[in-house]
Protein backbone atom coordinates (compact mmCIF):
# COMPACT_ATOMS: atom_id res chain seq x y z
CA MET A 1 45.85 -24.23 -53.51
CA SER A 2 44.00 -21.20 -54.71
CA ALA A 3 45.42 -17.73 -54.81
CA GLU A 4 43.14 -16.65 -51.87
CA THR A 5 44.64 -19.49 -49.76
CA LEU A 6 48.12 -18.27 -50.50
CA ALA A 7 47.50 -14.60 -50.01
CA PRO A 8 49.38 -13.30 -46.88
CA ALA A 9 47.33 -12.25 -43.94
CA PRO A 10 47.18 -8.55 -43.28
CA PRO A 11 49.89 -7.29 -41.03
CA ARG A 12 48.95 -6.90 -37.35
CA ALA A 13 48.77 -3.34 -36.11
CA THR A 14 51.83 -2.30 -34.13
CA TYR A 15 51.58 -1.50 -30.36
CA ALA A 16 51.87 2.29 -31.09
CA GLN A 17 49.15 2.13 -33.66
CA ARG A 18 46.85 0.38 -31.24
CA VAL A 19 47.55 2.91 -28.57
CA ALA A 20 46.96 5.78 -30.92
CA PHE A 21 43.58 4.30 -31.99
CA VAL A 22 42.29 3.78 -28.47
CA SER A 23 43.49 7.28 -27.40
CA GLU A 24 41.58 8.92 -30.38
CA MET A 25 38.49 6.79 -29.67
CA ALA A 26 38.61 7.86 -26.03
CA GLY A 27 38.87 11.53 -27.02
CA ARG A 28 35.91 11.10 -29.37
CA LEU A 29 33.69 9.57 -26.75
CA HIS A 30 34.62 12.32 -24.32
CA SER A 31 33.74 14.99 -26.91
CA TYR A 32 30.43 13.39 -27.60
CA GLY A 33 29.24 13.78 -23.98
CA THR A 34 29.97 10.36 -22.38
CA THR A 35 30.02 10.21 -18.68
CA ALA A 36 33.20 9.24 -16.90
CA GLN A 37 32.13 5.66 -15.76
CA ARG A 38 30.80 4.67 -19.22
CA LEU A 39 33.71 6.29 -21.08
CA GLU A 40 36.30 4.40 -18.92
CA ALA A 41 34.37 1.11 -19.13
CA SER A 42 34.27 1.37 -22.94
CA VAL A 43 37.89 2.35 -23.20
CA VAL A 44 38.97 -0.61 -21.05
CA ALA A 45 36.74 -2.99 -23.06
CA LEU A 46 38.13 -1.77 -26.50
CA SER A 47 41.71 -2.04 -25.10
CA GLN A 48 41.25 -5.54 -24.04
CA GLN A 49 39.89 -6.43 -27.47
CA LEU A 50 42.98 -5.02 -28.99
CA ASP A 51 45.35 -6.86 -26.71
CA LEU A 52 46.17 -3.80 -24.54
CA ASP A 53 46.18 -3.02 -20.89
CA CYS A 54 44.79 0.53 -20.26
CA GLU A 55 44.04 2.34 -17.04
CA PRO A 56 41.85 5.36 -18.08
CA TRP A 57 41.13 8.37 -15.88
CA SER A 58 38.44 10.84 -17.08
CA ASN A 59 37.21 14.18 -16.01
CA PRO A 60 35.10 16.80 -17.80
CA THR A 61 37.96 18.65 -19.20
CA GLY A 62 40.51 16.00 -20.03
CA LEU A 63 41.73 12.38 -20.09
CA ILE A 64 44.66 10.45 -18.71
CA LEU A 65 45.29 7.04 -20.46
CA SER A 66 48.05 4.75 -19.23
CA PHE A 67 48.92 1.89 -21.65
CA SER A 68 51.02 -1.19 -21.47
CA ASP A 69 51.66 -4.22 -23.63
CA PRO A 70 50.67 -7.38 -21.66
CA THR A 71 53.09 -9.56 -23.95
CA ARG A 72 56.11 -7.53 -22.73
CA ALA A 73 57.99 -7.29 -19.43
CA ILE A 74 56.47 -5.07 -16.85
CA GLY A 75 57.44 -1.38 -17.19
CA SER A 76 59.13 -1.90 -20.64
CA SER A 77 56.21 -0.68 -22.82
CA ASP A 78 54.38 1.87 -20.56
CA ILE A 79 52.89 4.82 -22.48
CA THR A 80 50.82 7.60 -20.90
CA ARG A 81 48.69 9.95 -22.86
CA VAL A 82 47.40 13.25 -21.39
CA ILE A 83 44.69 14.77 -23.44
CA ARG A 84 43.30 18.20 -22.57
CA MET A 85 39.73 18.74 -23.88
CA GLY A 86 36.75 20.97 -23.21
CA PRO A 87 33.51 19.72 -21.83
CA GLY A 88 31.73 17.44 -24.34
CA SER A 89 28.36 17.95 -25.83
CA THR A 90 25.84 15.21 -26.80
CA ASP A 91 26.04 14.12 -30.37
CA LEU A 92 24.14 10.81 -30.83
CA HIS A 93 24.93 10.56 -34.57
CA LYS A 94 28.73 10.63 -34.13
CA LEU A 95 28.46 8.53 -31.02
CA ALA A 96 26.69 5.82 -32.91
CA ILE A 97 29.23 5.92 -35.79
CA ALA A 98 32.18 5.87 -33.34
CA ASP A 99 30.65 2.80 -31.66
CA GLU A 100 30.33 1.06 -35.04
CA ILE A 101 33.95 1.86 -35.83
CA ALA A 102 35.10 0.57 -32.43
CA ASP A 103 33.12 -2.72 -32.94
CA ALA A 104 34.43 -3.09 -36.50
CA VAL A 105 38.08 -2.61 -35.56
CA ALA A 106 37.88 -4.76 -32.53
CA GLY A 107 36.18 -7.59 -34.55
CA GLY A 108 38.76 -7.41 -37.32
CA ARG A 109 36.35 -6.17 -39.99
CA MET A 110 38.28 -2.91 -40.26
CA SER A 111 41.94 -2.17 -39.86
CA ILE A 112 43.18 0.38 -37.45
CA ALA A 113 44.29 2.63 -40.29
CA GLN A 114 40.73 2.43 -41.76
CA GLY A 115 39.37 3.08 -38.28
CA HIS A 116 41.51 6.25 -37.98
CA THR A 117 40.26 7.38 -41.49
CA ALA A 118 36.66 6.75 -40.55
CA LEU A 119 36.97 8.74 -37.27
CA ARG A 120 38.60 11.69 -39.07
CA GLN A 121 35.65 11.80 -41.48
CA LEU A 122 33.47 12.73 -38.50
CA ASP A 123 35.36 16.08 -38.39
CA SER A 124 34.02 17.31 -41.75
CA ASP A 125 32.15 20.67 -41.59
CA PRO A 126 28.42 19.90 -41.31
CA GLY A 127 27.59 23.10 -43.25
CA LEU A 128 24.53 25.21 -43.34
CA SER A 129 22.09 22.41 -42.58
CA ASP A 130 23.54 21.68 -39.16
CA ARG A 131 23.19 25.49 -38.36
CA ILE A 132 19.54 25.58 -39.47
CA ALA A 133 18.88 22.49 -37.40
CA MET A 134 20.48 24.05 -34.37
CA LEU A 135 18.39 27.22 -34.75
CA THR A 136 15.21 25.22 -35.34
CA SER A 137 15.93 23.02 -32.17
CA PHE A 138 16.41 26.28 -30.10
CA THR A 139 13.26 27.70 -31.29
CA LEU A 140 11.10 24.60 -31.05
CA GLY A 141 12.66 23.49 -27.76
CA SER A 142 11.93 26.80 -26.04
CA ALA A 143 8.36 27.17 -27.41
CA GLY A 144 7.77 23.37 -26.75
CA VAL A 145 8.85 23.66 -23.07
CA ALA A 146 6.68 26.85 -22.56
CA GLY A 147 3.72 24.93 -24.01
CA LEU A 148 4.51 21.96 -21.72
CA TRP A 149 4.17 24.26 -18.81
CA ARG A 150 0.73 25.49 -20.19
CA LEU A 151 1.77 29.03 -20.47
CA PRO A 152 -0.36 31.49 -22.44
CA TRP A 153 0.28 31.76 -26.32
CA LEU A 154 2.08 35.13 -25.93
CA ASP A 155 4.55 33.51 -23.43
CA ILE A 156 4.90 30.54 -25.88
CA ALA A 157 5.59 32.85 -28.86
CA THR A 158 8.00 34.95 -26.87
CA ALA A 159 9.94 31.86 -25.69
CA GLY A 160 10.20 30.57 -29.28
CA VAL A 161 11.28 33.84 -30.80
CA THR A 162 13.86 34.31 -27.93
CA GLY A 163 15.18 30.78 -28.39
CA LEU A 164 15.78 31.68 -32.08
CA LEU A 165 17.63 34.93 -31.09
CA ILE A 166 19.76 32.99 -28.61
CA GLY A 167 20.79 30.54 -31.30
CA LEU A 168 21.82 33.36 -33.56
CA LEU A 169 23.79 35.00 -30.65
CA LEU A 170 25.70 31.69 -29.91
CA PHE A 171 26.83 31.64 -33.67
CA TYR A 172 28.70 34.93 -32.91
CA THR A 173 29.84 34.16 -29.27
CA ASP A 174 31.27 30.74 -30.12
CA ARG A 175 33.85 32.36 -32.49
CA ARG A 176 35.76 34.16 -29.74
CA VAL A 177 37.22 32.88 -26.35
CA ALA A 178 36.15 35.87 -24.43
CA THR A 179 32.53 35.94 -25.66
CA ARG A 180 32.46 31.99 -25.54
CA GLU A 181 33.09 32.12 -21.72
CA ALA A 182 30.34 34.57 -21.21
CA SER A 183 27.85 33.05 -23.73
CA GLU A 184 25.40 31.87 -21.06
CA ALA A 185 25.32 35.23 -19.36
CA LEU A 186 24.75 37.07 -22.70
CA ALA A 187 22.04 34.61 -23.64
CA ALA A 188 20.25 35.16 -20.31
CA LEU A 189 20.74 38.96 -20.78
CA LEU A 190 19.04 38.72 -24.10
CA ALA A 191 16.27 36.47 -22.90
CA GLY A 192 15.64 38.92 -20.00
CA PHE A 193 15.43 42.08 -22.20
CA VAL A 194 13.11 40.33 -24.68
CA ALA A 195 10.75 39.19 -21.99
CA VAL A 196 10.66 42.69 -20.29
CA LEU A 197 10.07 44.40 -23.55
CA VAL A 198 7.19 42.15 -24.49
CA ALA A 199 5.70 42.35 -20.97
CA SER A 200 6.16 46.22 -21.01
CA PHE A 201 4.77 47.00 -24.54
CA ILE A 202 2.75 44.03 -25.76
CA GLY A 203 1.11 42.15 -22.97
CA PRO A 204 1.59 40.47 -19.55
CA LEU A 205 3.80 37.55 -19.18
CA ASN A 206 4.83 34.83 -16.60
CA LEU A 207 8.11 36.56 -16.71
CA ASN A 208 10.42 34.12 -14.97
CA SER A 209 8.76 31.10 -16.64
CA THR A 210 9.18 32.72 -19.97
CA ILE A 211 12.83 33.56 -19.48
CA ILE A 212 13.55 30.05 -18.09
CA ALA A 213 11.70 28.40 -21.14
CA SER A 214 13.83 30.60 -23.50
CA LEU A 215 16.98 29.36 -21.95
CA VAL A 216 16.00 25.69 -21.75
CA VAL A 217 18.65 24.41 -24.19
CA LEU A 218 21.38 26.00 -22.07
CA LEU A 219 20.08 24.73 -18.67
CA PRO A 220 22.65 22.30 -16.94
CA GLY A 221 20.02 19.79 -15.80
CA MET A 222 21.68 16.84 -17.61
CA ALA A 223 25.13 17.95 -16.26
CA LEU A 224 23.67 18.02 -12.67
CA THR A 225 22.23 14.51 -13.09
CA ASN A 226 25.46 13.16 -14.64
CA ALA A 227 27.49 14.72 -11.85
CA VAL A 228 25.56 13.06 -9.11
CA ASN A 229 25.64 9.89 -11.16
CA GLU A 230 29.40 9.97 -11.31
CA LEU A 231 29.65 10.75 -7.60
CA ALA A 232 27.44 7.66 -6.92
CA SER A 233 29.75 5.57 -9.18
CA GLN A 234 32.67 6.75 -7.09
CA HIS A 235 34.21 8.99 -9.83
CA TRP A 236 34.78 11.76 -7.22
CA VAL A 237 36.90 14.14 -9.30
CA SER A 238 34.76 13.98 -12.43
CA GLY A 239 31.54 14.23 -10.54
CA THR A 240 32.72 17.23 -8.37
CA ALA A 241 34.09 19.07 -11.40
CA ARG A 242 30.92 18.46 -13.44
CA PHE A 243 28.82 19.65 -10.51
CA ALA A 244 30.83 22.77 -10.21
CA GLY A 245 30.48 23.43 -13.86
CA ALA A 246 26.70 23.08 -13.68
CA LEU A 247 26.46 25.39 -10.74
CA THR A 248 28.68 27.97 -12.67
CA THR A 249 26.28 27.81 -15.66
CA ILE A 250 23.31 28.41 -13.39
CA MET A 251 25.15 31.49 -11.80
CA LYS A 252 25.89 32.80 -15.27
CA LEU A 253 22.36 32.43 -16.45
CA THR A 254 20.99 33.97 -13.24
CA VAL A 255 23.44 37.03 -13.51
CA GLY A 256 22.44 37.61 -17.07
CA ALA A 257 18.78 37.62 -16.41
CA MET A 258 19.10 39.76 -13.30
CA ILE A 259 21.22 42.34 -15.18
CA ALA A 260 18.42 42.66 -17.76
CA VAL A 261 15.62 43.05 -15.27
CA THR A 262 17.68 45.59 -13.19
CA ILE A 263 18.62 47.74 -16.30
CA ALA A 264 15.04 47.68 -17.34
CA HIS A 265 13.93 48.94 -13.96
CA TYR A 266 16.45 51.78 -14.11
CA ILE A 267 15.36 52.97 -17.50
CA GLY A 268 11.78 53.03 -16.47
CA LEU A 269 10.26 49.94 -18.00
CA GLU A 270 7.40 48.42 -16.00
CA PRO A 271 6.79 44.85 -17.21
CA VAL A 272 3.30 43.52 -16.41
CA VAL A 273 3.84 40.08 -14.65
CA ARG A 274 1.03 37.55 -14.28
CA ALA A 275 0.72 34.01 -13.06
CA SER A 276 -1.46 32.21 -15.62
CA ARG A 277 -1.43 28.63 -17.11
CA PRO A 278 -4.63 28.47 -19.17
CA GLN A 279 -3.81 25.86 -21.82
CA SER A 280 -5.75 22.64 -22.25
CA ASN A 281 -4.40 19.02 -22.32
CA TRP A 282 -3.96 18.97 -26.11
CA VAL A 283 -1.64 21.93 -25.99
CA GLU A 284 0.53 20.16 -23.29
CA TRP A 285 0.84 16.93 -25.22
CA GLY A 286 1.40 18.60 -28.60
CA SER A 287 4.13 20.64 -26.86
CA VAL A 288 5.63 17.35 -25.56
CA LEU A 289 5.89 16.04 -29.29
CA VAL A 290 7.45 19.53 -30.40
CA ALA A 291 9.94 19.38 -27.62
CA ALA A 292 10.80 15.84 -28.33
CA PHE A 293 11.52 16.67 -31.98
CA ALA A 294 13.57 19.60 -30.85
CA PHE A 295 15.70 17.46 -28.51
CA ALA A 296 16.28 14.94 -31.43
CA MET A 297 17.82 17.76 -33.40
CA LEU A 298 19.70 19.22 -30.36
CA PHE A 299 21.22 15.81 -29.59
CA ARG A 300 22.14 15.60 -33.32
CA ALA A 301 20.60 12.22 -33.71
CA SER A 302 20.58 10.44 -37.12
CA VAL A 303 17.36 10.82 -39.02
CA ARG A 304 16.75 7.10 -38.72
CA ASP A 305 16.89 7.38 -34.95
CA TYR A 306 14.33 10.19 -34.71
CA PRO A 307 11.53 7.70 -34.07
CA TRP A 308 13.49 6.29 -31.18
CA VAL A 309 14.53 9.57 -29.64
CA ILE A 310 10.97 11.08 -29.90
CA ALA A 311 9.36 7.99 -28.52
CA ALA A 312 11.85 7.84 -25.56
CA SER A 313 11.27 11.50 -24.74
CA VAL A 314 7.51 11.16 -24.82
CA ALA A 315 7.50 7.90 -22.87
CA GLY A 316 9.81 9.44 -20.28
CA TYR A 317 7.43 12.33 -19.69
CA ALA A 318 4.35 10.20 -19.72
CA ILE A 319 5.81 7.73 -17.23
CA SER A 320 6.92 10.44 -14.87
CA ARG A 321 3.70 12.46 -15.08
CA TYR A 322 1.16 9.60 -14.52
CA GLY A 323 3.47 7.87 -12.09
CA GLY A 324 3.79 11.16 -10.18
CA LEU A 325 0.02 11.46 -10.06
CA LEU A 326 -0.25 7.96 -8.63
CA TRP A 327 2.70 7.73 -6.22
CA GLY A 328 4.12 11.24 -6.03
CA GLY A 329 6.62 13.23 -8.16
CA PRO A 330 9.89 11.63 -7.03
CA ALA A 331 8.40 8.19 -7.55
CA GLY A 332 7.28 8.95 -10.99
CA ILE A 333 10.75 10.34 -11.93
CA PHE A 334 12.35 7.22 -10.48
CA LEU A 335 10.11 4.83 -12.34
CA ALA A 336 10.61 6.76 -15.79
CA ALA A 337 14.45 6.91 -15.28
CA MET A 338 14.60 3.23 -14.32
CA LEU A 339 12.46 1.98 -17.24
CA LEU A 340 14.11 4.26 -19.76
CA THR A 341 17.67 3.26 -18.70
CA ALA A 342 16.66 -0.43 -18.93
CA ALA A 343 15.07 0.20 -22.31
CA GLY A 344 18.26 1.87 -23.51
CA ASN A 345 20.38 -1.03 -22.42
CA LEU A 346 18.00 -3.45 -24.03
CA PHE A 347 18.06 -1.35 -27.24
CA GLY A 348 21.90 -1.41 -27.13
CA ARG A 349 21.87 -5.29 -26.70
CA LEU A 350 19.45 -5.99 -29.44
CA ALA A 351 20.50 -3.46 -32.06
CA LYS A 352 24.19 -3.44 -31.18
CA ARG A 353 24.11 0.35 -30.98
CA PRO A 354 24.63 2.80 -28.16
CA GLY A 355 21.91 2.75 -25.52
CA ALA A 356 22.32 6.50 -25.17
CA ILE A 357 19.97 6.89 -28.27
CA VAL A 358 17.08 5.83 -25.96
CA ARG A 359 18.38 6.68 -22.47
CA LEU A 360 19.41 10.24 -22.86
CA PRO A 361 16.20 11.48 -24.67
CA GLY A 362 14.18 9.46 -22.12
CA ILE A 363 15.45 11.42 -19.15
CA ILE A 364 15.98 14.75 -20.68
CA MET A 365 12.30 15.89 -19.82
CA LEU A 366 13.03 14.78 -16.20
CA VAL A 367 16.32 16.77 -15.39
CA PRO A 368 16.09 19.61 -12.87
CA GLY A 369 17.75 22.47 -14.72
CA SER A 370 14.67 24.72 -14.92
CA ILE A 371 13.87 24.12 -11.17
CA SER A 372 17.34 24.99 -10.09
CA LEU A 373 17.41 28.10 -12.12
CA ARG A 374 13.94 29.14 -10.94
CA GLY A 375 15.07 28.59 -7.35
CA VAL A 376 18.14 30.80 -7.69
CA LEU A 377 16.23 33.55 -9.46
CA SER A 378 13.68 33.59 -6.72
CA LEU A 379 16.40 33.77 -4.14
CA ILE A 380 18.13 36.71 -5.83
CA GLN A 381 14.94 38.64 -6.67
CA GLN A 382 13.41 38.27 -3.17
CA GLN A 383 16.76 38.50 -1.18
CA ASN A 384 15.23 35.68 1.11
CA VAL A 385 16.79 32.30 1.70
CA ASN A 386 13.36 30.76 2.20
CA ALA A 387 12.32 31.80 -1.33
CA GLY A 388 14.68 29.36 -2.93
CA GLU A 389 14.54 26.63 -0.21
CA SER A 390 11.64 24.83 -1.70
CA ALA A 391 13.13 24.86 -5.18
CA LEU A 392 16.42 23.54 -3.76
CA LEU A 393 14.68 20.62 -2.00
CA THR A 394 12.76 19.87 -5.19
CA VAL A 395 16.03 19.82 -7.08
CA VAL A 396 17.63 17.45 -4.53
CA ASN A 397 14.56 15.06 -4.66
CA VAL A 398 14.59 15.06 -8.50
CA VAL A 399 18.25 14.34 -8.74
CA MET A 400 18.12 11.64 -6.18
CA ALA A 401 15.26 10.04 -7.98
CA LEU A 402 16.98 10.23 -11.29
CA VAL A 403 20.24 8.81 -10.10
CA ALA A 404 18.39 5.93 -8.27
CA GLY A 405 16.49 5.23 -11.46
CA LEU A 406 19.67 5.13 -13.58
CA LEU A 407 21.31 2.75 -11.09
CA PHE A 408 18.43 0.37 -10.78
CA GLY A 409 17.78 0.51 -14.50
CA ASN A 410 21.29 -0.79 -15.11
CA LEU A 411 20.61 -3.57 -12.53
CA LEU A 412 17.36 -4.43 -14.28
CA ILE A 413 19.13 -4.87 -17.68
CA PRO A 414 22.79 -4.43 -17.71
CA ALA A 415 24.54 -2.65 -20.56
CA ARG A 416 26.07 -4.93 -23.21
CA LYS A 417 29.38 -6.26 -22.25
CA ASN A 418 31.55 -5.11 -25.04
CA GLN A 419 30.45 -1.43 -24.87
CA ASN A 420 28.87 0.65 -22.09
CA LEU A 421 27.55 3.55 -24.18
């Protein structure tokens, strides 16, 4: 016999090691912005592949994982892990790597110790390049959305510059707990002041639209959509908590913007406000590409995934726009969400990678964050319930169309069986 034949097989990971790996993987998926139903399905699938029984419970600020060894007597090996975490943020690059690590460990191509090491490598400081990418995404995202709405060039420039200033502000506020909790209000305060100063001393603006475009990267449209999606999937606690968090973010943004406008009024500034959308089609579609590129950076996608992310964003916007022209706005959004969800699941099945790489960018252009903030601003400014009623109904229609599209997209092409990302 050869030496290779006589070589002993690598020792099987212990029960505690397998539990620790699944717990760490669950925490990673949570921090990368995975919704409750997809996270729990992925954790259960990974546990089964590692010969574990796991009952996960996820909410936006934590995890409870209950493990047992199916080869032992009932109750003799029960372990419960309670993990307190902050709300996650989308990171497609790390999500894809974590997915590859989970597949490699479950398939025996990587030991659990090697998997732990690979996961910890994701914690390395991204350095200056990541900060520059974030500032660029804030700038291009704000300017791109303003161009998408066909606002005048001054409005687009103001939104882009304000997005850059907000990115710089967040570098400071994220370092301290007190300022981190008020970061959205401070960002809206800054956006409001910049817009008022420009409208007072440089030229007229679509004031509310410019402020909202400046804040586009902070709007909780995706959180609202995920919350209703979780509620529809019978994850009541997670959906309710995420919905409450999204509403709190909208209130913070509204308070900050209104404080800026009120202070400007008391110190004698008189911004010139106009309603004008003069841009032609090429500006709109050029802005779609700019915004799609910004969202690729904002979602921290790998460079090799940029074509997928940009194509999905453009496709989602195009389908919803032309579908809306033919059958109405909600029908266009439903069609775009359904097709992009199915496309994401198909991508996951064929490429063996997370479908979120296609699905999330595909629906980001459809989420109702800007509409919800506009409705609340109108309600507060005019002190009239009827002023925000139309926006509220629009938000409800958009969210219902999005969630229906997500559900039917998963029926059209189900997610791959071993992972639900």
